Structures are given as structure tokens and as C-alpha cells.
Amino acid sequence: MNKPLEAVREPAVEIRFGQVGLAQVRIRTTDAGVILDELTGRVASAPQFFERTAVCLDLSALEKEPTASDMRGVFDAVRRAGMLAVGLAHGTQAVDTLARSLDVPVLTQFRVQGKAAPVQPPPPVKEVPKAAPPPVEAPVLHPPSLMQHQPVRSGQRVYARNSDLVVTATVGAGAEVIADGCVHIYGTLRGRAVAGARGEVTARVFCQEFHAELISIAGVFRVFETLPPELAGKPVQAWLDGDDLRFARIGG
């Protein structure tokens, strides 16, 4: 008698790559006490955003390479302040080595401010014979903007990968709209808007009526307590100026 075929089992795990919201914490010291004091104040100022939130540590502002012992103290201080440090921002080979010592990942989607390289004089120009003009290449077509015509409600997230995001409705409190390019909201923004999610520093956020909980561009963010109160309810754009997040009224 033939044995019945075993039922096909579903795999125990399934791996998918998706957009995960992480805050970036750039540290300028490895003094755990100083970090604990400052982060505790930040968490207390906006607990709904920062309490138990996952963060990535950026070490690029440190004057010298930290040791694994230094960073264990930093990780502990971040945890005691109420946040959860889950990895290091990609920077140098030393950061990669340090991450291995700490048994944490290196998160490459975060932009790290590098040190300026010395300016080298240009090489002498050599005379070269004129070559035939290259063939005309077909224009590169970029992905169209993702259109969102329905309201984005609390707890919902809309992500435009490799493109801009255009929202023609309201983004409610507790909702999140994310784009690798710019975010355009032709309605009221009461939730979070994240532009340049993969590090595009020229990305911008535009909204018709500004009541944002959080604005982030290429990893640089500000929460509602630090947003300009005089812009509340106004049409606003936000952009990066170096490492500073700027805001201005549209048409003002």
C-alpha cells in the first residue's frame, strides 16, 4: 500500500526587504553620561516618537575612532534613555570592524558626513585628436511619481520607491508618507513626511497645510516641538541646507 504524500509545509521563515523607519543619532562624544542626559531629555520632550524607537548610530563626528568598550557604554546609554540602538551607519572600514566586534549590523542606507578631501591641482591638459561625436543615446526614463488620492490615516504608511510621492488628500496624525524623492502633499499634513529616504539630499517636502508631527530629509529630521510655529496651517516647503533642515512658506 502506498503511503499518503506528506502535506506541503509552509516555510518557517520568509525574508523580505522593505522600508523600515529608523532615526539616525550622530554622536560627538562617547561619554555615556553626557549621551544619557541629552537623549533622556529628547525622549521626554516627544515620548510618542522616541520612546523605544529604533535608532542607527552615526560615528562620523567623533574626533577619534571609538573602541568596542566605548561603544558598549554608548549602546547602554541609548537603551537607558529609552531608545534602541540597532546598528551603526556605514562609514569607514574601521566602522565595519567595530560593528563586527559589537555584533551589530552596518546600515548602509544612512548618509554619513565624510571629511573633505584635500584639493589637488588639476593635471596638465594634453592635446588629443578630435574624436567622432558619440552616438545619441535614448533618454533615460525615470519612474513616474506615485499618486495617492485617498486619505492616509493613522497607522498607515505610503512609500514611493525610487520616485516622488504625490498625495492629493490629507495625511492624518500618526500616518507616515515616505519617498526616495520629494514628497508633495496637496492637502493637510498632520502626520510624518520623509523625503530622500535613501539619502537624496536634494529632495524636498511640500505641503498645502502644515501641521506636521515630523519632517525628515535624507535622515535629518525635526519633530513638531522644534518646527517653526509661525508656519502652522500655511503652505510650506522643507529642504536641506548642508546638515540643517530649513523651512519656508510657499509663495511668502
Protein backbone atom coordinates (compact mmCIF):
# COMPACT_ATOMS: atom_id res chain seq x y z
CA MET A 1 0.00 0.00 0.00
CA ASN A 2 1.34 3.40 -0.93
CA LYS A 3 1.93 5.84 1.89
CA PRO A 4 -0.01 9.12 1.60
CA LEU A 5 2.05 12.02 0.38
CA GLU A 6 3.10 14.38 3.12
CA ALA A 7 1.35 17.72 3.03
CA VAL A 8 3.46 20.52 1.65
CA ARG A 9 4.62 22.61 4.55
CA GLU A 10 4.88 26.36 4.50
CA PRO A 11 8.42 27.63 5.18
CA ALA A 12 9.03 28.58 8.80
CA VAL A 13 10.53 31.94 7.83
CA GLU A 14 10.16 34.36 4.94
CA ILE A 15 12.72 37.07 4.20
CA ARG A 16 11.64 40.30 2.56
CA PHE A 17 13.38 43.61 2.04
CA GLY A 18 11.27 46.65 2.79
CA GLN A 19 11.37 50.21 4.03
CA VAL A 20 11.88 50.43 7.78
CA GLY A 21 11.78 53.78 9.54
CA LEU A 22 14.91 54.42 11.62
CA ALA A 23 16.10 57.60 13.27
CA GLN A 24 19.79 58.45 12.96
CA VAL A 25 21.71 59.59 16.04
CA ARG A 26 25.02 61.31 15.32
CA ILE A 27 27.19 61.21 18.44
CA ARG A 28 30.00 63.71 19.10
CA THR A 29 31.27 62.03 22.25
CA THR A 30 31.46 58.54 23.70
CA ASP A 31 30.83 59.85 27.22
CA ALA A 32 27.90 57.64 28.19
CA GLY A 33 26.74 60.01 30.93
CA VAL A 34 26.51 63.00 28.60
CA ILE A 35 24.68 60.95 25.96
CA LEU A 36 22.26 59.57 28.56
CA ASP A 37 21.41 63.06 29.86
CA GLU A 38 20.80 64.55 26.41
CA LEU A 39 18.82 61.65 24.99
CA THR A 40 16.69 61.37 28.12
CA GLY A 41 15.65 64.97 27.58
CA ARG A 42 14.89 64.35 23.90
CA VAL A 43 12.77 61.30 24.69
CA ALA A 44 10.89 63.17 27.42
CA SER A 45 10.12 66.03 25.00
CA ALA A 46 8.41 63.72 22.49
CA PRO A 47 7.87 60.27 24.02
CA GLN A 48 5.36 59.22 21.36
CA PHE A 49 8.13 59.46 18.75
CA PHE A 50 11.29 58.47 20.58
CA GLU A 51 10.33 56.01 23.32
CA ARG A 52 11.54 52.52 22.28
CA THR A 53 12.25 53.77 18.76
CA ALA A 54 14.98 52.03 16.76
CA VAL A 55 17.98 54.25 16.01
CA CYS A 56 21.17 53.99 13.97
CA LEU A 57 24.37 55.46 15.44
CA ASP A 58 26.49 57.69 13.19
CA LEU A 59 30.12 57.93 14.40
CA SER A 60 31.40 60.34 11.73
CA ALA A 61 31.51 63.36 14.09
CA LEU A 62 33.85 61.70 16.61
CA GLU A 63 37.41 63.04 16.72
CA LYS A 64 38.93 59.57 17.11
CA GLU A 65 37.85 56.02 16.42
CA PRO A 66 35.95 54.62 19.43
CA THR A 67 36.78 51.28 20.97
CA ALA A 68 34.32 48.43 21.33
CA SER A 69 34.26 49.11 25.08
CA ASP A 70 33.39 52.78 24.44
CA MET A 71 30.53 51.79 22.16
CA ARG A 72 29.10 49.23 24.56
CA GLY A 73 28.73 52.08 27.04
CA VAL A 74 27.08 54.23 24.35
CA PHE A 75 24.64 51.46 23.40
CA ASP A 76 23.74 51.03 27.06
CA ALA A 77 23.20 54.79 27.50
CA VAL A 78 20.92 54.91 24.45
CA ARG A 79 18.90 51.99 25.82
CA ARG A 80 18.61 53.55 29.29
CA ALA A 81 17.42 56.80 27.71
CA GLY A 82 14.52 54.91 26.13
CA MET A 83 15.74 54.29 22.58
CA LEU A 84 17.02 51.07 20.99
CA ALA A 85 20.29 51.30 19.04
CA VAL A 86 20.20 48.60 16.35
CA GLY A 87 23.34 49.30 14.32
CA LEU A 88 25.99 51.69 13.02
CA ALA A 89 25.82 53.97 10.00
CA HIS A 90 28.18 52.89 7.24
CA GLY A 91 31.34 54.97 7.09
CA THR A 92 34.86 53.53 7.10
CA GLN A 93 36.47 50.13 7.28
CA ALA A 94 37.06 50.83 10.98
CA VAL A 95 33.28 51.17 11.46
CA ASP A 96 32.76 47.80 9.76
CA THR A 97 35.36 46.20 12.04
CA LEU A 98 33.81 47.83 15.11
CA ALA A 99 30.34 46.60 14.13
CA ARG A 100 31.66 43.04 13.93
CA SER A 101 33.16 43.37 17.40
CA LEU A 102 29.82 44.60 18.74
CA ASP A 103 27.86 42.00 16.76
CA VAL A 104 25.59 44.66 15.23
CA PRO A 105 24.81 45.41 11.57
CA VAL A 106 26.16 48.23 9.44
CA LEU A 107 23.22 50.08 7.89
CA THR A 108 24.27 51.38 4.50
CA GLN A 109 21.16 53.43 3.66
CA PHE A 110 22.22 56.16 6.08
CA ARG A 111 24.31 59.01 4.73
CA VAL A 112 27.43 59.73 6.76
CA GLN A 113 29.06 63.14 6.51
CA GLY A 114 32.60 62.46 5.36
CA LYS A 115 35.66 64.63 5.84
CA ALA A 116 36.61 66.84 2.91
CA ALA A 117 39.46 65.53 0.82
CA PRO A 118 42.42 67.85 0.12
CA VAL A 119 42.15 69.77 -3.12
CA GLN A 120 44.60 68.53 -5.72
CA PRO A 121 45.82 70.72 -8.61
CA PRO A 122 44.37 69.63 -11.94
CA PRO A 123 46.70 67.64 -14.20
CA PRO A 124 48.11 69.40 -17.28
CA VAL A 125 45.81 69.30 -20.27
CA LYS A 126 47.08 67.11 -23.09
CA GLU A 127 46.23 67.74 -26.69
CA VAL A 128 44.19 64.87 -28.04
CA PRO A 129 42.89 64.39 -31.55
CA LYS A 130 39.23 65.15 -32.03
CA ALA A 131 37.11 62.04 -31.99
CA ALA A 132 33.91 61.42 -33.83
CA PRO A 133 30.84 62.51 -31.85
CA PRO A 134 29.32 59.67 -29.80
CA PRO A 135 26.01 58.22 -30.94
CA VAL A 136 22.93 59.85 -29.48
CA GLU A 137 21.60 57.74 -26.63
CA ALA A 138 17.94 57.29 -25.89
CA PRO A 139 16.74 59.41 -22.95
CA VAL A 140 16.58 57.68 -19.58
CA LEU A 141 13.01 57.42 -18.36
CA HIS A 142 12.56 57.85 -14.62
CA PRO A 143 9.75 56.12 -12.72
CA PRO A 144 6.61 58.26 -12.56
CA SER A 145 5.53 59.71 -9.25
CA LEU A 146 3.42 57.51 -7.02
CA MET A 147 -0.06 59.02 -6.73
CA GLN A 148 -2.07 58.68 -3.51
CA HIS A 149 -5.63 60.01 -3.86
CA GLN A 150 -7.09 58.51 -0.67
CA PRO A 151 -6.50 59.97 2.82
CA VAL A 152 -3.57 58.39 4.67
CA ARG A 153 -4.95 57.53 8.09
CA SER A 154 -3.32 56.98 11.47
CA GLY A 155 -1.07 53.92 11.46
CA GLN A 156 -0.85 53.78 7.65
CA ARG A 157 2.36 54.19 5.66
CA VAL A 158 2.76 55.01 1.96
CA TYR A 159 6.21 54.60 0.38
CA ALA A 160 7.30 55.72 -3.11
CA ARG A 161 10.40 53.73 -4.03
CA ASN A 162 12.82 55.46 -6.43
CA SER A 163 10.32 58.24 -7.17
CA ASP A 164 8.41 61.21 -5.80
CA LEU A 165 5.19 60.78 -3.84
CA VAL A 166 2.16 62.96 -4.62
CA VAL A 167 -0.68 62.94 -2.08
CA THR A 168 -3.87 64.73 -3.10
CA ALA A 169 -5.62 64.09 0.22
CA THR A 170 -4.99 64.51 3.94
CA VAL A 171 -2.15 62.82 5.83
CA GLY A 172 -3.61 62.22 9.27
CA ALA A 173 -1.92 62.29 12.66
CA GLY A 174 0.02 59.07 13.19
CA ALA A 175 0.30 58.41 9.44
CA GLU A 176 3.58 58.37 7.50
CA VAL A 177 4.36 59.25 3.88
CA ILE A 178 7.82 58.33 2.56
CA ALA A 179 9.59 58.82 -0.77
CA ASP A 180 13.08 58.29 -2.12
CA GLY A 181 12.48 61.57 -3.96
CA CYS A 182 10.29 64.52 -2.99
CA VAL A 183 7.00 64.42 -1.08
CA HIS A 184 4.16 66.63 -2.37
CA ILE A 185 1.02 66.90 -0.23
CA TYR A 186 -1.88 68.85 -1.74
CA GLY A 187 -3.82 68.74 1.49
CA THR A 188 -3.24 68.88 5.23
CA LEU A 189 -0.15 67.23 6.70
CA ARG A 190 -0.74 66.16 10.30
CA GLY A 191 1.50 63.09 10.34
CA ARG A 192 5.09 62.40 9.30
CA ALA A 193 6.69 63.19 5.95
CA VAL A 194 10.02 61.60 4.96
CA ALA A 195 11.76 62.65 1.72
CA GLY A 196 15.09 61.39 0.40
CA ALA A 197 14.59 58.12 2.28
CA ARG A 198 17.66 56.60 0.61
CA GLY A 199 19.88 59.63 1.17
CA GLU A 200 18.94 62.02 -1.66
CA VAL A 201 19.95 65.38 -0.16
CA THR A 202 18.20 67.46 -2.85
CA ALA A 203 14.78 66.01 -2.00
CA ARG A 204 12.14 68.34 -0.56
CA VAL A 205 8.83 68.20 1.26
CA PHE A 206 5.94 70.38 0.06
CA CYS A 207 2.55 70.60 1.73
CA GLN A 208 -0.55 72.75 1.37
CA GLU A 209 -1.40 72.98 5.08
CA PHE A 210 1.41 72.41 7.57
CA HIS A 211 0.68 70.68 10.90
CA ALA A 212 3.42 68.04 10.71
CA GLU A 213 4.41 65.71 13.53
CA LEU A 214 7.81 65.09 11.95
CA ILE A 215 9.73 66.15 8.83
CA SER A 216 12.78 64.20 7.65
CA ILE A 217 15.03 64.65 4.61
CA ALA A 218 17.94 62.27 3.94
CA GLY A 219 17.99 61.23 7.60
CA VAL A 220 17.94 64.75 9.07
CA PHE A 221 14.69 65.28 10.96
CA ARG A 222 12.79 67.62 13.27
CA VAL A 223 9.73 66.83 15.38
CA PHE A 224 6.75 69.10 15.92
CA GLU A 225 8.12 70.65 19.12
CA THR A 226 11.03 72.12 17.12
CA LEU A 227 9.13 73.04 13.94
CA PRO A 228 8.51 76.76 13.30
CA PRO A 229 5.15 77.55 14.98
CA GLU A 230 4.55 80.56 12.73
CA LEU A 231 4.21 78.20 9.74
CA ALA A 232 1.33 76.19 11.24
CA GLY A 233 -1.55 75.96 8.80
CA LYS A 234 0.44 77.57 5.98
CA PRO A 235 1.67 76.15 2.65
CA VAL A 236 5.26 75.14 3.43
CA GLN A 237 8.33 73.61 1.82
CA ALA A 238 11.26 71.99 3.63
CA TRP A 239 14.76 71.29 2.31
CA LEU A 240 18.29 70.51 3.46
CA ASP A 241 20.96 73.21 3.68
CA GLY A 242 24.07 71.20 4.48
CA ASP A 243 23.05 69.30 7.61
CA ASP A 244 20.38 71.85 8.60
CA LEU A 245 16.70 71.37 7.85
CA ARG A 246 15.15 74.61 6.55
CA PHE A 247 11.51 75.65 6.28
CA ALA A 248 9.80 78.44 4.37
CA ARG A 249 6.29 79.45 3.43
CA ILE A 250 5.47 78.77 -0.21
CA GLY A 251 4.63 81.99 -2.01
CA GLY A 252 5.51 84.03 1.07
